[in-house]
Amino acid sequence: MNDLKKASRRKMSFGATLKAVFWSFFGVRKKSDYEKDAQQLNPVHVIIAGLLGALVFILTLIVIVKSVVGK
């Protein structure tokens, strides 16, 4: 449990977390970048960024489908 508390106190910015999650969605992360991020990213930020990324992805798909079907 102490490890989780330590991890949640990591200081990497939310913007950097969004960037890391964005590149992870595309699967174009270098191993060295992944290892660096694994040591510095706040897990709470990663979860929030992942949920936001999934929401943006779903909304984008909905817009694409509506534009194709509506024509």
PDB file of N, CA and C in Angstrom:
ATOM      1  N   MET A   1       0.819  -1.194   0.000  1.00  0.00           N
ATOM      2  CA  MET A   1       0.000   0.000   0.000  1.00  0.00           C
ATOM      3  C   MET A   1       0.862   1.256   0.000  1.00  0.00           C
ATOM      4  N   ASN A   2       1.998   1.223   0.672  1.00  0.00           N
ATOM      5  CA  ASN A   2       2.896   2.377   0.680  1.00  0.00           C
ATOM      6  C   ASN A   2       3.440   2.677  -0.709  1.00  0.00           C
ATOM      7  N   ASP A   3       3.651   1.638  -1.511  1.00  0.00           N
ATOM      8  CA  ASP A   3       4.142   1.846  -2.878  1.00  0.00           C
ATOM      9  C   ASP A   3       3.133   2.637  -3.707  1.00  0.00           C
ATOM     10  N   LEU A   4       1.861   2.354  -3.510  1.00  0.00           N
ATOM     11  CA  LEU A   4       0.824   3.076  -4.240  1.00  0.00           C
ATOM     12  C   LEU A   4       0.782   4.538  -3.809  1.00  0.00           C
ATOM     13  N   LYS A   5       0.931   4.795  -2.521  1.00  0.00           N
ATOM     14  CA  LYS A   5       0.952   6.176  -2.037  1.00  0.00           C
ATOM     15  C   LYS A   5       2.163   6.927  -2.584  1.00  0.00           C
ATOM     16  N   LYS A   6       3.318   6.263  -2.625  1.00  0.00           N
ATOM     17  CA  LYS A   6       4.522   6.893  -3.189  1.00  0.00           C
ATOM     18  C   LYS A   6       4.317   7.203  -4.666  1.00  0.00           C
ATOM     19  N   ALA A   7       3.751   6.251  -5.386  1.00  0.00           N
ATOM     20  CA  ALA A   7       3.544   6.429  -6.829  1.00  0.00           C
ATOM     21  C   ALA A   7       2.581   7.574  -7.110  1.00  0.00           C
ATOM     22  N   SER A   8       1.564   7.731  -6.271  1.00  0.00           N
ATOM     23  CA  SER A   8       0.581   8.791  -6.517  1.00  0.00           C
ATOM     24  C   SER A   8       1.134  10.174  -6.196  1.00  0.00           C
ATOM     25  N   ARG A   9       2.303  10.255  -5.585  1.00  0.00           N
ATOM     26  CA  ARG A   9       2.933  11.547  -5.281  1.00  0.00           C
ATOM     27  C   ARG A   9       3.960  11.961  -6.319  1.00  0.00           C
ATOM     28  N   ARG A  10       4.104  11.196  -7.367  1.00  0.00           N
ATOM     29  CA  ARG A  10       5.065  11.546  -8.413  1.00  0.00           C
ATOM     30  C   ARG A  10       4.694  12.879  -9.027  1.00  0.00           C
ATOM     31  N   LYS A  11       5.681  13.638  -9.422  1.00  0.00           N
ATOM     32  CA  LYS A  11       5.473  15.033  -9.796  1.00  0.00           C
ATOM     33  C   LYS A  11       5.376  15.308 -11.290  1.00  0.00           C
ATOM     34  N   MET A  12       5.389  14.309 -12.145  1.00  0.00           N
ATOM     35  CA  MET A  12       5.308  14.569 -13.580  1.00  0.00           C
ATOM     36  C   MET A  12       3.980  15.253 -13.889  1.00  0.00           C
ATOM     37  N   SER A  13       3.993  16.239 -14.763  1.00  0.00           N
ATOM     38  CA  SER A  13       2.802  17.050 -15.031  1.00  0.00           C
ATOM     39  C   SER A  13       1.720  16.241 -15.745  1.00  0.00           C
ATOM     40  N   PHE A  14       0.496  16.728 -15.626  1.00  0.00           N
ATOM     41  CA  PHE A  14      -0.628  16.070 -16.291  1.00  0.00           C
ATOM     42  C   PHE A  14      -0.486  16.181 -17.806  1.00  0.00           C
ATOM     43  N   GLY A  15       0.062  17.299 -18.275  1.00  0.00           N
ATOM     44  CA  GLY A  15       0.289  17.461 -19.716  1.00  0.00           C
ATOM     45  C   GLY A  15       1.256  16.418 -20.259  1.00  0.00           C
ATOM     46  N   ALA A  16       2.319  16.154 -19.510  1.00  0.00           N
ATOM     47  CA  ALA A  16       3.276  15.120 -19.920  1.00  0.00           C
ATOM     48  C   ALA A  16       2.613  13.744 -19.904  1.00  0.00           C
ATOM     49  N   THR A  17       1.719  13.541 -18.949  1.00  0.00           N
ATOM     50  CA  THR A  17       0.985  12.276 -18.883  1.00  0.00           C
ATOM     51  C   THR A  17       0.078  12.130 -20.089  1.00  0.00           C
ATOM     52  N   LEU A  18      -0.623  13.210 -20.462  1.00  0.00           N
ATOM     53  CA  LEU A  18      -1.481  13.162 -21.649  1.00  0.00           C
ATOM     54  C   LEU A  18      -0.672  12.818 -22.897  1.00  0.00           C
ATOM     55  N   LYS A  19       0.495  13.422 -23.007  1.00  0.00           N
ATOM     56  CA  LYS A  19       1.364  13.151 -24.160  1.00  0.00           C
ATOM     57  C   LYS A  19       1.780  11.681 -24.194  1.00  0.00           C
ATOM     58  N   ALA A  20       2.178  11.141 -23.048  1.00  0.00           N
ATOM     59  CA  ALA A  20       2.598   9.738 -22.984  1.00  0.00           C
ATOM     60  C   ALA A  20       1.448   8.802 -23.332  1.00  0.00           C
ATOM     61  N   VAL A  21       0.263   9.101 -22.811  1.00  0.00           N
ATOM     62  CA  VAL A  21      -0.900   8.256 -23.105  1.00  0.00           C
ATOM     63  C   VAL A  21      -1.302   8.376 -24.573  1.00  0.00           C
ATOM     64  N   PHE A  22      -1.235   9.583 -25.128  1.00  0.00           N
ATOM     65  CA  PHE A  22      -1.553   9.792 -26.544  1.00  0.00           C
ATOM     66  C   PHE A  22      -0.657   8.924 -27.428  1.00  0.00           C
ATOM     67  N   TRP A  23       0.647   8.972 -27.187  1.00  0.00           N
ATOM     68  CA  TRP A  23       1.560   8.168 -28.007  1.00  0.00           C
ATOM     69  C   TRP A  23       1.364   6.677 -27.758  1.00  0.00           C
ATOM     70  N   SER A  24       0.972   6.318 -26.566  1.00  0.00           N
ATOM     71  CA  SER A  24       0.717   4.909 -26.261  1.00  0.00           C
ATOM     72  C   SER A  24      -0.508   4.396 -27.007  1.00  0.00           C
ATOM     73  N   PHE A  25      -1.505   5.256 -27.216  1.00  0.00           N
ATOM     74  CA  PHE A  25      -2.682   4.848 -27.983  1.00  0.00           C
ATOM     75  C   PHE A  25      -2.276   4.425 -29.392  1.00  0.00           C
ATOM     76  N   PHE A  26      -1.272   5.073 -29.950  1.00  0.00           N
ATOM     77  CA  PHE A  26      -0.807   4.742 -31.292  1.00  0.00           C
ATOM     78  C   PHE A  26       0.242   3.645 -31.297  1.00  0.00           C
ATOM     79  N   GLY A  27       0.770   3.299 -30.150  1.00  0.00           N
ATOM     80  CA  GLY A  27       1.747   2.216 -30.050  1.00  0.00           C
ATOM     81  C   GLY A  27       3.111   2.583 -30.589  1.00  0.00           C
ATOM     82  N   VAL A  28       3.481   3.852 -30.511  1.00  0.00           N
ATOM     83  CA  VAL A  28       4.760   4.281 -31.053  1.00  0.00           C
ATOM     84  C   VAL A  28       5.699   4.793 -29.951  1.00  0.00           C
ATOM     85  N   ARG A  29       5.734   4.104 -28.838  1.00  0.00           N
ATOM     86  CA  ARG A  29       6.593   4.493 -27.718  1.00  0.00           C
ATOM     87  C   ARG A  29       7.920   3.757 -27.809  1.00  0.00           C
ATOM     88  N   LYS A  30       8.990   4.476 -27.599  1.00  0.00           N
ATOM     89  CA  LYS A  30      10.297   3.841 -27.497  1.00  0.00           C
ATOM     90  C   LYS A  30      10.390   3.145 -26.152  1.00  0.00           C
ATOM     91  N   LYS A  31      11.151   2.073 -26.104  1.00  0.00           N
ATOM     92  CA  LYS A  31      11.298   1.358 -24.845  1.00  0.00           C
ATOM     93  C   LYS A  31      11.922   2.257 -23.777  1.00  0.00           C
ATOM     94  N   SER A  32      12.891   3.067 -24.156  1.00  0.00           N
ATOM     95  CA  SER A  32      13.539   3.950 -23.184  1.00  0.00           C
ATOM     96  C   SER A  32      12.555   4.997 -22.644  1.00  0.00           C
ATOM     97  N   ASP A  33      11.684   5.524 -23.526  1.00  0.00           N
ATOM     98  CA  ASP A  33      10.667   6.483 -23.079  1.00  0.00           C
ATOM     99  C   ASP A  33       9.670   5.813 -22.145  1.00  0.00           C
ATOM    100  N   TYR A  34       9.287   4.594 -22.487  1.00  0.00           N
ATOM    101  CA  TYR A  34       8.346   3.858 -21.645  1.00  0.00           C
ATOM    102  C   TYR A  34       8.928   3.637 -20.251  1.00  0.00           C
ATOM    103  N   GLU A  35      10.186   3.220 -20.198  1.00  0.00           N
ATOM    104  CA  GLU A  35      10.818   2.960 -18.901  1.00  0.00           C
ATOM    105  C   GLU A  35      10.941   4.238 -18.081  1.00  0.00           C
ATOM    106  N   LYS A  36      11.268   5.352 -18.736  1.00  0.00           N
ATOM    107  CA  LYS A  36      11.362   6.641 -18.039  1.00  0.00           C
ATOM    108  C   LYS A  36       9.999   7.048 -17.499  1.00  0.00           C
ATOM    109  N   ASP A  37       8.977   6.911 -18.331  1.00  0.00           N
ATOM    110  CA  ASP A  37       7.627   7.274 -17.909  1.00  0.00           C
ATOM    111  C   ASP A  37       7.130   6.391 -16.775  1.00  0.00           C
ATOM    112  N   ALA A  38       7.453   5.112 -16.826  1.00  0.00           N
ATOM    113  CA  ALA A  38       7.005   4.192 -15.778  1.00  0.00           C
ATOM    114  C   ALA A  38       7.549   4.602 -14.418  1.00  0.00           C
ATOM    115  N   GLN A  39       8.685   5.254 -14.397  1.00  0.00           N
ATOM    116  CA  GLN A  39       9.281   5.699 -13.139  1.00  0.00           C
ATOM    117  C   GLN A  39       8.740   7.047 -12.678  1.00  0.00           C
ATOM    118  N   GLN A  40       8.219   7.858 -13.594  1.00  0.00           N
ATOM    119  CA  GLN A  40       7.873   9.237 -13.270  1.00  0.00           C
ATOM    120  C   GLN A  40       6.386   9.565 -13.308  1.00  0.00           C
ATOM    121  N   LEU A  41       5.606   8.829 -14.071  1.00  0.00           N
ATOM    122  CA  LEU A  41       4.193   9.173 -14.220  1.00  0.00           C
ATOM    123  C   LEU A  41       3.401   8.846 -12.959  1.00  0.00           C
ATOM    124  N   ASN A  42       2.444   9.714 -12.673  1.00  0.00           N
ATOM    125  CA  ASN A  42       1.534   9.500 -11.563  1.00  0.00           C
ATOM    126  C   ASN A  42       0.426   8.562 -12.053  1.00  0.00           C
ATOM    127  N   PRO A  43       0.211   7.417 -11.403  1.00  0.00           N
ATOM    128  CA  PRO A  43      -0.787   6.462 -11.892  1.00  0.00           C
ATOM    129  C   PRO A  43      -2.207   7.028 -11.939  1.00  0.00           C
ATOM    130  N   VAL A  44      -2.530   7.938 -11.041  1.00  0.00           N
ATOM    131  CA  VAL A  44      -3.859   8.557 -11.064  1.00  0.00           C
ATOM    132  C   VAL A  44      -4.013   9.387 -12.331  1.00  0.00           C
ATOM    133  N   HIS A  45      -2.964  10.124 -12.701  1.00  0.00           N
ATOM    134  CA  HIS A  45      -2.999  10.912 -13.935  1.00  0.00           C
ATOM    135  C   HIS A  45      -3.130  10.002 -15.150  1.00  0.00           C
ATOM    136  N   VAL A  46      -2.461   8.852 -15.118  1.00  0.00           N
ATOM    137  CA  VAL A  46      -2.517   7.914 -16.255  1.00  0.00           C
ATOM    138  C   VAL A  46      -3.947   7.400 -16.442  1.00  0.00           C
ATOM    139  N   ILE A  47      -4.611   7.074 -15.349  1.00  0.00           N
ATOM    140  CA  ILE A  47      -5.985   6.577 -15.441  1.00  0.00           C
ATOM    141  C   ILE A  47      -6.905   7.654 -16.007  1.00  0.00           C
ATOM    142  N   ILE A  48      -6.785   8.868 -15.496  1.00  0.00           N
ATOM    143  CA  ILE A  48      -7.626   9.974 -15.978  1.00  0.00           C
ATOM    144  C   ILE A  48      -7.340  10.257 -17.452  1.00  0.00           C
ATOM    145  N   ALA A  49      -6.066  10.296 -17.823  1.00  0.00           N
ATOM    146  CA  ALA A  49      -5.695  10.557 -19.220  1.00  0.00           C
ATOM    147  C   ALA A  49      -6.179   9.438 -20.131  1.00  0.00           C
ATOM    148  N   GLY A  50      -6.116   8.199 -19.665  1.00  0.00           N
ATOM    149  CA  GLY A  50      -6.607   7.074 -20.457  1.00  0.00           C
ATOM    150  C   GLY A  50      -8.105   7.160 -20.696  1.00  0.00           C
ATOM    151  N   LEU A  51      -8.846   7.534 -19.663  1.00  0.00           N
ATOM    152  CA  LEU A  51     -10.291   7.692 -19.811  1.00  0.00           C
ATOM    153  C   LEU A  51     -10.628   8.839 -20.762  1.00  0.00           C
ATOM    154  N   LEU A  52      -9.902   9.951 -20.649  1.00  0.00           N
ATOM    155  CA  LEU A  52     -10.117  11.075 -21.570  1.00  0.00           C
ATOM    156  C   LEU A  52      -9.782  10.678 -23.004  1.00  0.00           C
ATOM    157  N   GLY A  53      -8.679   9.959 -23.179  1.00  0.00           N
ATOM    158  CA  GLY A  53      -8.295   9.506 -24.514  1.00  0.00           C
ATOM    159  C   GLY A  53      -9.336   8.578 -25.120  1.00  0.00           C
ATOM    160  N   ALA A  54      -9.870   7.671 -24.305  1.00  0.00           N
ATOM    161  CA  ALA A  54     -10.908   6.759 -24.785  1.00  0.00           C
ATOM    162  C   ALA A  54     -12.169   7.531 -25.159  1.00  0.00           C
ATOM    163  N   LEU A  55     -12.519   8.527 -24.360  1.00  0.00           N
ATOM    164  CA  LEU A  55     -13.701   9.344 -24.652  1.00  0.00           C
ATOM    165  C   LEU A  55     -13.538  10.103 -25.973  1.00  0.00           C
ATOM    166  N   VAL A  56     -12.375  10.697 -26.177  1.00  0.00           N
ATOM    167  CA  VAL A  56     -12.104  11.419 -27.432  1.00  0.00           C
ATOM    168  C   VAL A  56     -12.152  10.453 -28.612  1.00  0.00           C
ATOM    169  N   PHE A  57     -11.601   9.272 -28.445  1.00  0.00           N
ATOM    170  CA  PHE A  57     -11.604   8.264 -29.507  1.00  0.00           C
ATOM    171  C   PHE A  57     -13.035   7.866 -29.865  1.00  0.00           C
ATOM    172  N   ILE A  58     -13.864   7.609 -28.865  1.00  0.00           N
ATOM    173  CA  ILE A  58     -15.250   7.207 -29.099  1.00  0.00           C
ATOM    174  C   ILE A  58     -16.033   8.336 -29.772  1.00  0.00           C
ATOM    175  N   LEU A  59     -15.867   9.553 -29.271  1.00  0.00           N
ATOM    176  CA  LEU A  59     -16.573  10.687 -29.880  1.00  0.00           C
ATOM    177  C   LEU A  59     -16.146  10.906 -31.332  1.00  0.00           C
ATOM    178  N   THR A  60     -14.865  10.717 -31.617  1.00  0.00           N
ATOM    179  CA  THR A  60     -14.373  10.842 -32.988  1.00  0.00           C
ATOM    180  C   THR A  60     -15.019   9.786 -33.892  1.00  0.00           C
ATOM    181  N   LEU A  61     -15.105   8.558 -33.396  1.00  0.00           N
ATOM    182  CA  LEU A  61     -15.755   7.503 -34.180  1.00  0.00           C
ATOM    183  C   LEU A  61     -17.228   7.816 -34.431  1.00  0.00           C
ATOM    184  N   ILE A  62     -17.909   8.344 -33.430  1.00  0.00           N
ATOM    185  CA  ILE A  62     -19.319   8.692 -33.590  1.00  0.00           C
ATOM    186  C   ILE A  62     -19.490   9.763 -34.658  1.00  0.00           C
ATOM    187  N   VAL A  63     -18.644  10.777 -34.625  1.00  0.00           N
ATOM    188  CA  VAL A  63     -18.715  11.850 -35.620  1.00  0.00           C
ATOM    189  C   VAL A  63     -18.449  11.302 -37.027  1.00  0.00           C
ATOM    190  N   ILE A  64     -17.467  10.454 -37.151  1.00  0.00           N
ATOM    191  CA  ILE A  64     -17.151   9.868 -38.473  1.00  0.00           C
ATOM    192  C   ILE A  64     -18.328   9.038 -38.979  1.00  0.00           C
ATOM    193  N   VAL A  65     -18.889   8.188 -38.125  1.00  0.00           N
ATOM    194  CA  VAL A  65     -20.000   7.335 -38.541  1.00  0.00           C
ATOM    195  C   VAL A  65     -21.215   8.182 -38.919  1.00  0.00           C
ATOM    196  N   LYS A  66     -21.520   9.193 -38.120  1.00  0.00           N
ATOM    197  CA  LYS A  66     -22.682  10.046 -38.437  1.00  0.00           C
ATOM    198  C   LYS A  66     -22.481  10.788 -39.758  1.00  0.00           C
ATOM    199  N   SER A  67     -21.252  11.213 -40.028  1.00  0.00           N
ATOM    200  CA  SER A  67     -21.020  11.933 -41.276  1.00  0.00           C
ATOM    201  C   SER A  67     -21.096  11.005 -42.481  1.00  0.00           C
ATOM    202  N   VAL A  68     -20.676   9.759 -42.328  1.00  0.00           N
ATOM    203  CA  VAL A  68     -20.727   8.812 -43.437  1.00  0.00           C
ATOM    204  C   VAL A  68     -22.151   8.320 -43.664  1.00  0.00           C
ATOM    205  N   VAL A  69     -22.841   7.993 -42.607  1.00  0.00           N
ATOM    206  CA  VAL A  69     -24.202   7.468 -42.726  1.00  0.00           C
ATOM    207  C   VAL A  69     -25.179   8.561 -43.127  1.00  0.00           C
ATOM    208  N   GLY A  70     -24.925   9.786 -42.701  1.00  0.00           N
ATOM    209  CA  GLY A  70     -25.846  10.888 -42.999  1.00  0.00           C
ATOM    210  C   GLY A  70     -25.836  11.325 -44.452  1.00  0.00           C
ATOM    211  N   LYS A  71     -24.864  10.911 -45.212  1.00  0.00           N
ATOM    212  CA  LYS A  71     -24.783  11.350 -46.623  1.00  0.00           C
ATOM    213  C   LYS A  71     -25.553  10.466 -47.550  1.00  0.00           C
TER     214      LYS A  71
END
